């Protein structure tokens, strides 16, 4: 199962952690894994490029792990854009969770 943990402080996302494997299909044909990967990596890339923001990123060597930490100090306008992009990512992941809840779980901390 993929576990998505969203860490917040004062309602703002401070970091995200994705861990595990969906195992919803054979390797290379796992639609849940592909969807979660596309949504999460796409959001991270969008934040870095559109917001010109460096994120602290840690990935597992064999896949199945992604930790993204936002910088502690960002200009309010940039932080608003970063939050919007990551909230959009979470909405997309919730859509996947609605259809495939046996393979993905989203938790807020």
N, C-alpha and C. Protein backbone atom coordinates (compact mmCIF):
# COMPACT_ATOMS: atom_id res chain seq x y z
N UNK A 1 0.84 -1.18 0.00
CA UNK A 1 0.00 0.00 0.00
C UNK A 1 0.89 1.25 0.00
N UNK A 2 0.44 2.26 -0.74
CA UNK A 2 1.12 3.55 -0.73
C UNK A 2 0.51 4.37 0.40
N UNK A 3 1.37 4.95 1.21
CA UNK A 3 0.93 5.82 2.30
C UNK A 3 1.44 7.22 2.00
N UNK A 4 0.52 8.17 1.94
CA UNK A 4 0.86 9.57 1.71
C UNK A 4 0.62 10.30 3.03
N UNK A 5 1.67 10.87 3.58
CA UNK A 5 1.55 11.62 4.82
C UNK A 5 1.82 13.08 4.52
N UNK A 6 0.86 13.92 4.89
CA UNK A 6 0.96 15.36 4.67
C UNK A 6 1.19 16.01 6.03
N UNK A 7 2.32 16.66 6.18
CA UNK A 7 2.65 17.33 7.44
C UNK A 7 2.32 18.81 7.30
N UNK A 8 1.61 19.34 8.31
CA UNK A 8 1.17 20.74 8.27
C UNK A 8 1.53 21.45 9.57
N UNK A 9 1.68 22.76 9.44
CA UNK A 9 1.82 23.65 10.59
C UNK A 9 0.95 24.87 10.27
N UNK A 10 0.05 25.20 11.17
CA UNK A 10 -0.88 26.32 10.94
C UNK A 10 -1.60 26.16 9.60
N UNK A 11 -2.06 24.97 9.32
CA UNK A 11 -2.83 24.63 8.12
C UNK A 11 -2.01 24.64 6.82
N UNK A 12 -0.74 25.04 6.90
CA UNK A 12 0.09 25.05 5.70
C UNK A 12 0.93 23.79 5.62
N UNK A 13 1.05 23.26 4.41
CA UNK A 13 1.88 22.08 4.19
C UNK A 13 3.34 22.45 4.44
N UNK A 14 4.01 21.64 5.25
CA UNK A 14 5.44 21.85 5.50
C UNK A 14 6.28 20.76 4.83
N UNK A 15 5.72 19.56 4.73
CA UNK A 15 6.42 18.48 4.05
C UNK A 15 5.43 17.38 3.67
N UNK A 16 5.88 16.52 2.77
CA UNK A 16 5.08 15.40 2.27
C UNK A 16 5.96 14.16 2.27
N UNK A 17 5.35 13.03 2.58
CA UNK A 17 6.08 11.77 2.52
C UNK A 17 5.21 10.72 1.85
N UNK A 18 5.73 10.10 0.82
CA UNK A 18 5.05 9.00 0.13
C UNK A 18 5.92 7.77 0.31
N UNK A 19 5.31 6.69 0.78
CA UNK A 19 6.09 5.47 0.99
C UNK A 19 5.25 4.25 0.64
N UNK A 20 5.94 3.20 0.25
CA UNK A 20 5.30 1.94 -0.06
C UNK A 20 5.03 1.76 -1.54
N UNK A 21 4.45 0.62 -1.85
CA UNK A 21 4.11 0.26 -3.22
C UNK A 21 2.64 -0.14 -3.27
N UNK A 22 1.98 0.21 -4.35
CA UNK A 22 0.56 -0.12 -4.48
C UNK A 22 0.35 -1.62 -4.69
N UNK A 23 1.19 -2.22 -5.50
CA UNK A 23 1.04 -3.65 -5.84
C UNK A 23 -0.36 -3.94 -6.39
N UNK A 24 -0.87 -3.01 -7.20
CA UNK A 24 -2.20 -3.22 -7.79
C UNK A 24 -2.14 -3.92 -9.14
N UNK A 25 -0.94 -4.22 -9.58
CA UNK A 25 -0.75 -4.91 -10.85
C UNK A 25 0.70 -5.33 -10.98
N UNK A 26 1.02 -6.09 -12.02
CA UNK A 26 2.41 -6.51 -12.21
C UNK A 26 3.33 -5.30 -12.44
N UNK A 27 4.60 -5.49 -12.16
CA UNK A 27 5.59 -4.44 -12.35
C UNK A 27 5.49 -3.90 -13.78
N UNK A 28 5.42 -2.60 -13.89
CA UNK A 28 5.29 -1.97 -15.20
C UNK A 28 3.86 -1.78 -15.66
N UNK A 29 2.91 -2.40 -14.94
CA UNK A 29 1.49 -2.29 -15.29
C UNK A 29 0.63 -1.88 -14.09
N UNK A 30 1.29 -1.35 -13.08
CA UNK A 30 0.61 -0.93 -11.85
C UNK A 30 0.07 0.48 -12.05
N UNK A 31 -1.23 0.59 -12.35
CA UNK A 31 -1.83 1.88 -12.67
C UNK A 31 -1.87 2.83 -11.48
N UNK A 32 -2.08 2.30 -10.29
CA UNK A 32 -2.13 3.15 -9.10
C UNK A 32 -0.75 3.76 -8.85
N UNK A 33 0.27 2.94 -8.93
CA UNK A 33 1.63 3.42 -8.74
C UNK A 33 1.98 4.47 -9.79
N UNK A 34 1.63 4.20 -11.02
CA UNK A 34 1.92 5.14 -12.11
C UNK A 34 1.19 6.47 -11.89
N UNK A 35 -0.06 6.40 -11.48
CA UNK A 35 -0.83 7.62 -11.25
C UNK A 35 -0.27 8.44 -10.11
N UNK A 36 0.03 7.78 -8.99
CA UNK A 36 0.58 8.47 -7.83
C UNK A 36 1.94 9.08 -8.17
N UNK A 37 2.76 8.34 -8.88
CA UNK A 37 4.08 8.85 -9.27
C UNK A 37 3.96 10.06 -10.18
N UNK A 38 3.10 9.97 -11.18
CA UNK A 38 2.93 11.08 -12.11
C UNK A 38 2.42 12.34 -11.41
N UNK A 39 1.43 12.18 -10.55
CA UNK A 39 0.85 13.33 -9.84
C UNK A 39 1.87 13.95 -8.89
N UNK A 40 2.56 13.13 -8.11
CA UNK A 40 3.47 13.67 -7.10
C UNK A 40 4.73 14.27 -7.73
N UNK A 41 5.34 13.58 -8.66
CA UNK A 41 6.55 14.11 -9.31
C UNK A 41 6.19 15.35 -10.14
N UNK A 42 5.04 15.32 -10.79
CA UNK A 42 4.59 16.49 -11.55
C UNK A 42 4.42 17.71 -10.67
N UNK A 43 3.85 17.53 -9.49
CA UNK A 43 3.65 18.66 -8.57
C UNK A 43 4.98 19.18 -8.06
N UNK A 44 5.88 18.29 -7.70
CA UNK A 44 7.21 18.70 -7.23
C UNK A 44 7.93 19.49 -8.33
N UNK A 45 7.90 18.98 -9.55
CA UNK A 45 8.55 19.69 -10.66
C UNK A 45 7.90 21.04 -10.92
N UNK A 46 6.57 21.11 -10.82
CA UNK A 46 5.86 22.37 -11.02
C UNK A 46 6.27 23.40 -9.98
N UNK A 47 6.35 22.99 -8.72
CA UNK A 47 6.75 23.91 -7.66
C UNK A 47 8.16 24.43 -7.92
N UNK A 48 9.07 23.53 -8.25
CA UNK A 48 10.45 23.96 -8.45
C UNK A 48 10.59 24.90 -9.64
N UNK A 49 9.87 24.62 -10.72
CA UNK A 49 10.01 25.45 -11.92
C UNK A 49 9.16 26.72 -11.86
N UNK A 50 7.88 26.59 -11.57
CA UNK A 50 6.99 27.74 -11.60
C UNK A 50 7.21 28.70 -10.44
N UNK A 51 7.60 28.17 -9.30
CA UNK A 51 7.81 29.00 -8.12
C UNK A 51 9.29 29.30 -7.87
N UNK A 52 10.14 28.75 -8.72
CA UNK A 52 11.59 28.92 -8.58
C UNK A 52 12.01 28.67 -7.13
N UNK A 53 11.56 27.53 -6.62
CA UNK A 53 11.77 27.18 -5.22
C UNK A 53 12.54 25.87 -5.14
N UNK A 54 13.60 25.89 -4.35
CA UNK A 54 14.35 24.66 -4.11
C UNK A 54 13.69 23.91 -2.96
N UNK A 55 13.42 22.65 -3.20
CA UNK A 55 12.81 21.79 -2.19
C UNK A 55 13.85 20.80 -1.70
N UNK A 56 13.73 20.40 -0.46
CA UNK A 56 14.59 19.35 0.08
C UNK A 56 13.93 18.01 -0.27
N UNK A 57 14.57 17.24 -1.15
CA UNK A 57 13.96 16.01 -1.66
C UNK A 57 14.83 14.81 -1.32
N UNK A 58 14.17 13.78 -0.80
CA UNK A 58 14.84 12.51 -0.51
C UNK A 58 14.03 11.41 -1.19
N UNK A 59 14.71 10.59 -1.99
CA UNK A 59 14.04 9.50 -2.69
C UNK A 59 14.69 8.17 -2.32
N UNK A 60 13.88 7.11 -2.35
CA UNK A 60 14.40 5.77 -2.12
C UNK A 60 15.09 5.26 -3.38
N UNK A 61 16.16 4.53 -3.21
CA UNK A 61 16.92 4.02 -4.34
C UNK A 61 16.13 3.10 -5.25
N UNK A 62 15.26 2.30 -4.69
CA UNK A 62 14.45 1.35 -5.46
C UNK A 62 13.04 1.88 -5.69
N UNK A 63 12.84 3.15 -5.47
CA UNK A 63 11.48 3.69 -5.58
C UNK A 63 10.71 3.40 -4.31
N UNK A 64 9.47 3.79 -4.28
CA UNK A 64 8.64 3.50 -3.12
C UNK A 64 8.84 4.45 -1.97
N UNK A 65 9.64 5.51 -2.16
CA UNK A 65 9.81 6.49 -1.08
C UNK A 65 10.13 7.85 -1.67
N UNK A 66 9.40 8.86 -1.21
CA UNK A 66 9.65 10.25 -1.59
C UNK A 66 9.32 11.13 -0.39
N UNK A 67 10.28 11.93 0.03
CA UNK A 67 10.06 12.91 1.09
C UNK A 67 10.42 14.27 0.53
N UNK A 68 9.49 15.22 0.67
CA UNK A 68 9.67 16.57 0.15
C UNK A 68 9.43 17.55 1.29
N UNK A 69 10.42 18.39 1.54
CA UNK A 69 10.30 19.40 2.60
C UNK A 69 10.40 20.78 1.98
N UNK A 70 9.45 21.65 2.35
CA UNK A 70 9.46 23.03 1.87
C UNK A 70 10.46 23.85 2.67
N UNK A 71 11.03 24.87 2.03
CA UNK A 71 11.92 25.77 2.80
C UNK A 71 11.13 26.45 3.92
N UNK A 72 11.81 26.73 5.01
CA UNK A 72 11.12 27.35 6.14
C UNK A 72 10.72 28.79 5.86
N UNK A 73 11.52 29.49 5.10
CA UNK A 73 11.25 30.90 4.82
C UNK A 73 11.02 31.09 3.33
N UNK A 74 9.82 31.46 2.98
CA UNK A 74 9.48 31.82 1.60
C UNK A 74 8.66 33.10 1.64
N UNK A 75 8.81 33.90 0.60
CA UNK A 75 8.00 35.10 0.51
C UNK A 75 6.53 34.68 0.49
N UNK A 76 5.64 35.45 1.12
CA UNK A 76 4.23 35.06 1.19
C UNK A 76 3.59 34.75 -0.16
N UNK A 77 3.91 35.53 -1.19
CA UNK A 77 3.33 35.28 -2.51
C UNK A 77 3.78 33.94 -3.08
N UNK A 78 5.07 33.63 -2.92
CA UNK A 78 5.60 32.35 -3.40
C UNK A 78 5.01 31.21 -2.58
N UNK A 79 4.93 31.38 -1.26
CA UNK A 79 4.37 30.34 -0.40
C UNK A 79 2.93 30.04 -0.80
N UNK A 80 2.17 31.06 -1.12
CA UNK A 80 0.79 30.85 -1.56
C UNK A 80 0.72 29.98 -2.81
N UNK A 81 1.60 30.23 -3.76
CA UNK A 81 1.63 29.45 -4.99
C UNK A 81 2.06 28.01 -4.72
N UNK A 82 3.08 27.85 -3.86
CA UNK A 82 3.55 26.50 -3.50
C UNK A 82 2.42 25.72 -2.84
N UNK A 83 1.72 26.36 -1.91
CA UNK A 83 0.62 25.69 -1.21
C UNK A 83 -0.48 25.28 -2.19
N UNK A 84 -0.81 26.17 -3.12
CA UNK A 84 -1.85 25.87 -4.10
C UNK A 84 -1.47 24.66 -4.96
N UNK A 85 -0.24 24.63 -5.42
CA UNK A 85 0.19 23.50 -6.25
C UNK A 85 0.17 22.18 -5.46
N UNK A 86 0.64 22.21 -4.22
CA UNK A 86 0.64 20.97 -3.42
C UNK A 86 -0.77 20.58 -2.99
N UNK A 87 -1.64 21.55 -2.72
CA UNK A 87 -3.03 21.21 -2.40
C UNK A 87 -3.71 20.57 -3.62
N UNK A 88 -3.38 21.07 -4.81
CA UNK A 88 -3.89 20.45 -6.03
C UNK A 88 -3.42 19.02 -6.17
N UNK A 89 -2.16 18.77 -5.82
CA UNK A 89 -1.63 17.41 -5.85
C UNK A 89 -2.41 16.51 -4.90
N UNK A 90 -2.69 17.01 -3.71
CA UNK A 90 -3.42 16.21 -2.72
C UNK A 90 -4.83 15.90 -3.22
N UNK A 91 -5.48 16.85 -3.85
CA UNK A 91 -6.81 16.60 -4.40
C UNK A 91 -6.75 15.49 -5.46
N UNK A 92 -5.74 15.53 -6.31
CA UNK A 92 -5.58 14.47 -7.32
C UNK A 92 -5.33 13.12 -6.66
N UNK A 93 -4.50 13.10 -5.63
CA UNK A 93 -4.24 11.84 -4.93
C UNK A 93 -5.49 11.32 -4.22
N UNK A 94 -6.31 12.24 -3.69
CA UNK A 94 -7.58 11.82 -3.06
C UNK A 94 -8.52 11.20 -4.09
N UNK A 95 -8.48 11.69 -5.32
CA UNK A 95 -9.30 11.09 -6.38
C UNK A 95 -8.86 9.65 -6.63
N UNK A 96 -7.57 9.42 -6.62
CA UNK A 96 -7.06 8.05 -6.78
C UNK A 96 -7.46 7.22 -5.58
N UNK A 97 -7.36 7.79 -4.38
CA UNK A 97 -7.73 7.07 -3.15
C UNK A 97 -9.21 6.67 -3.16
N UNK A 98 -10.07 7.52 -3.69
CA UNK A 98 -11.50 7.20 -3.74
C UNK A 98 -11.77 5.93 -4.55
N UNK A 99 -11.06 5.78 -5.65
CA UNK A 99 -11.27 4.62 -6.52
C UNK A 99 -10.47 3.39 -6.09
N UNK A 100 -9.33 3.61 -5.46
CA UNK A 100 -8.40 2.51 -5.17
C UNK A 100 -7.95 2.53 -3.71
N UNK A 101 -8.90 2.64 -2.79
CA UNK A 101 -8.57 2.80 -1.37
C UNK A 101 -7.82 1.61 -0.77
N UNK A 102 -7.87 0.47 -1.43
CA UNK A 102 -7.12 -0.67 -0.92
C UNK A 102 -5.63 -0.58 -1.25
N UNK A 103 -5.25 0.41 -2.07
CA UNK A 103 -3.87 0.55 -2.52
C UNK A 103 -3.19 1.85 -2.10
N UNK A 104 -3.97 2.83 -1.63
CA UNK A 104 -3.41 4.12 -1.25
C UNK A 104 -4.19 4.70 -0.06
N UNK A 105 -3.46 5.28 0.88
CA UNK A 105 -4.05 5.90 2.07
C UNK A 105 -3.38 7.24 2.28
N UNK A 106 -4.18 8.30 2.46
CA UNK A 106 -3.67 9.64 2.69
C UNK A 106 -3.94 10.01 4.15
N UNK A 107 -2.92 10.48 4.83
CA UNK A 107 -3.01 10.84 6.25
C UNK A 107 -2.47 12.25 6.44
N UNK A 108 -3.16 13.04 7.25
CA UNK A 108 -2.70 14.39 7.59
C UNK A 108 -2.16 14.40 9.00
N UNK A 109 -1.03 15.04 9.18
CA UNK A 109 -0.43 15.17 10.53
C UNK A 109 -0.11 16.61 10.80
